[in-house]
Amino acid sequence: MIEKVKSMKASARAFLFPALVGAATAGSSVVAFAAETGSPTLDLPQINITTEMLTPLVEGIVANVNVILPVGLGIMGMMLGIRLVPKLIRRFTGG
């Protein structure tokens, strides 16, 4: 009886999963209709990004990476050492 219930659940899952995927695909392809027939014109401001504008951003990222990288590597090395050293001691001492 239990095997029959398990097989029914498995067959239901095998049927429902592709059906749900198909329903999600069909539901996501619904087209939104616009009120106007023509395309609206948008007056967006023109923004010109220059290298001078990005220089402080890049310098800040480089400065932060220069600080975080050594600290992160040190912490990772300590965590790795704390985990590996006792295992190595146990392996070579036979304990």
Protein backbone atom coordinates (compact mmCIF):
# COMPACT_ATOMS: atom_id res chain seq x y z
CA MET A 1 0.00 0.00 0.00
CA ILE A 2 2.81 2.40 0.92
CA GLU A 3 4.64 1.61 -2.33
CA LYS A 4 1.48 2.37 -4.29
CA VAL A 5 1.14 5.79 -2.61
CA LYS A 6 4.82 6.54 -3.27
CA SER A 7 4.48 5.59 -6.93
CA MET A 8 1.36 7.77 -7.25
CA LYS A 9 3.25 10.72 -5.74
CA ALA A 10 6.17 10.13 -8.09
CA SER A 11 3.90 9.96 -11.15
CA ALA A 12 2.06 13.10 -10.02
CA ARG A 13 5.37 14.94 -9.68
CA ALA A 14 6.50 13.67 -13.07
CA PHE A 15 3.32 15.07 -14.61
CA LEU A 16 2.99 18.33 -12.65
CA PHE A 17 6.53 19.65 -13.04
CA PRO A 18 6.47 19.91 -16.86
CA ALA A 19 2.93 21.25 -16.69
CA LEU A 20 3.98 23.99 -14.25
CA VAL A 21 6.97 24.87 -16.41
CA GLY A 22 4.72 25.13 -19.45
CA ALA A 23 2.19 27.27 -17.56
CA ALA A 24 4.93 29.60 -16.33
CA THR A 25 6.30 29.95 -19.86
CA ALA A 26 2.88 30.67 -21.31
CA GLY A 27 2.05 33.10 -18.51
CA SER A 28 5.25 35.05 -18.97
CA SER A 29 4.60 35.57 -22.68
CA VAL A 30 1.43 37.61 -22.16
CA VAL A 31 1.65 40.82 -24.15
CA ALA A 32 0.82 44.11 -22.44
CA PHE A 33 -1.29 46.34 -24.64
CA ALA A 34 -0.58 50.07 -24.84
CA ALA A 35 -3.32 52.70 -24.81
CA GLU A 36 -1.84 54.58 -27.75
CA THR A 37 -1.19 53.14 -31.16
CA GLY A 38 1.98 55.14 -31.82
CA SER A 39 5.20 55.02 -29.87
CA PRO A 40 5.48 57.74 -27.24
CA THR A 41 8.34 60.19 -27.46
CA LEU A 42 10.44 60.56 -24.35
CA ASP A 43 12.69 63.51 -23.73
CA LEU A 44 15.50 62.00 -21.71
CA PRO A 45 18.51 64.07 -20.68
CA GLN A 46 21.78 63.23 -22.35
CA ILE A 47 24.47 62.11 -19.91
CA ASN A 48 28.07 61.93 -21.00
CA ILE A 49 30.27 59.93 -18.64
CA THR A 50 33.93 60.76 -18.94
CA THR A 51 37.02 59.06 -17.57
CA GLU A 52 37.57 61.99 -15.22
CA MET A 53 34.20 61.26 -13.62
CA LEU A 54 35.10 57.60 -13.07
CA THR A 55 38.60 58.20 -11.70
CA PRO A 56 37.55 58.75 -8.04
CA LEU A 57 35.35 55.66 -8.16
CA VAL A 58 38.14 53.46 -9.50
CA GLU A 59 40.64 54.86 -7.00
CA GLY A 60 38.25 54.15 -4.13
CA ILE A 61 37.69 50.57 -5.25
CA VAL A 62 41.42 49.95 -5.64
CA ALA A 63 42.13 51.42 -2.19
CA ASN A 64 39.45 49.22 -0.58
CA VAL A 65 40.71 46.10 -2.36
CA ASN A 66 44.26 46.88 -1.23
CA VAL A 67 43.06 46.90 2.38
CA ILE A 68 40.52 44.07 2.30
CA LEU A 69 42.54 41.54 0.29
CA PRO A 70 45.44 41.05 2.75
CA VAL A 71 43.10 41.02 5.74
CA GLY A 72 40.78 38.53 4.04
CA LEU A 73 43.66 36.28 3.04
CA GLY A 74 45.01 36.38 6.60
CA ILE A 75 41.64 35.44 8.09
CA MET A 76 41.19 32.68 5.53
CA GLY A 77 44.69 31.35 6.28
CA MET A 78 43.97 31.32 10.01
CA MET A 79 40.68 29.49 9.49
CA LEU A 80 42.36 26.96 7.21
CA GLY A 81 45.23 26.48 9.67
CA ILE A 82 42.89 26.00 12.61
CA ARG A 83 41.04 23.36 10.64
CA LEU A 84 43.97 21.53 9.00
CA VAL A 85 46.66 21.52 11.71
CA PRO A 86 44.73 19.32 14.18
CA LYS A 87 43.88 16.89 11.38
CA LEU A 88 47.53 16.66 10.35
CA ILE A 89 48.64 16.14 13.96
CA ARG A 90 46.08 13.36 14.40
CA ARG A 91 47.12 11.71 11.14
CA PHE A 92 50.84 11.68 11.89
CA THR A 93 50.60 10.83 15.58
CA GLY A 94 48.15 8.02 15.02
CA GLY A 95 45.57 9.52 17.37
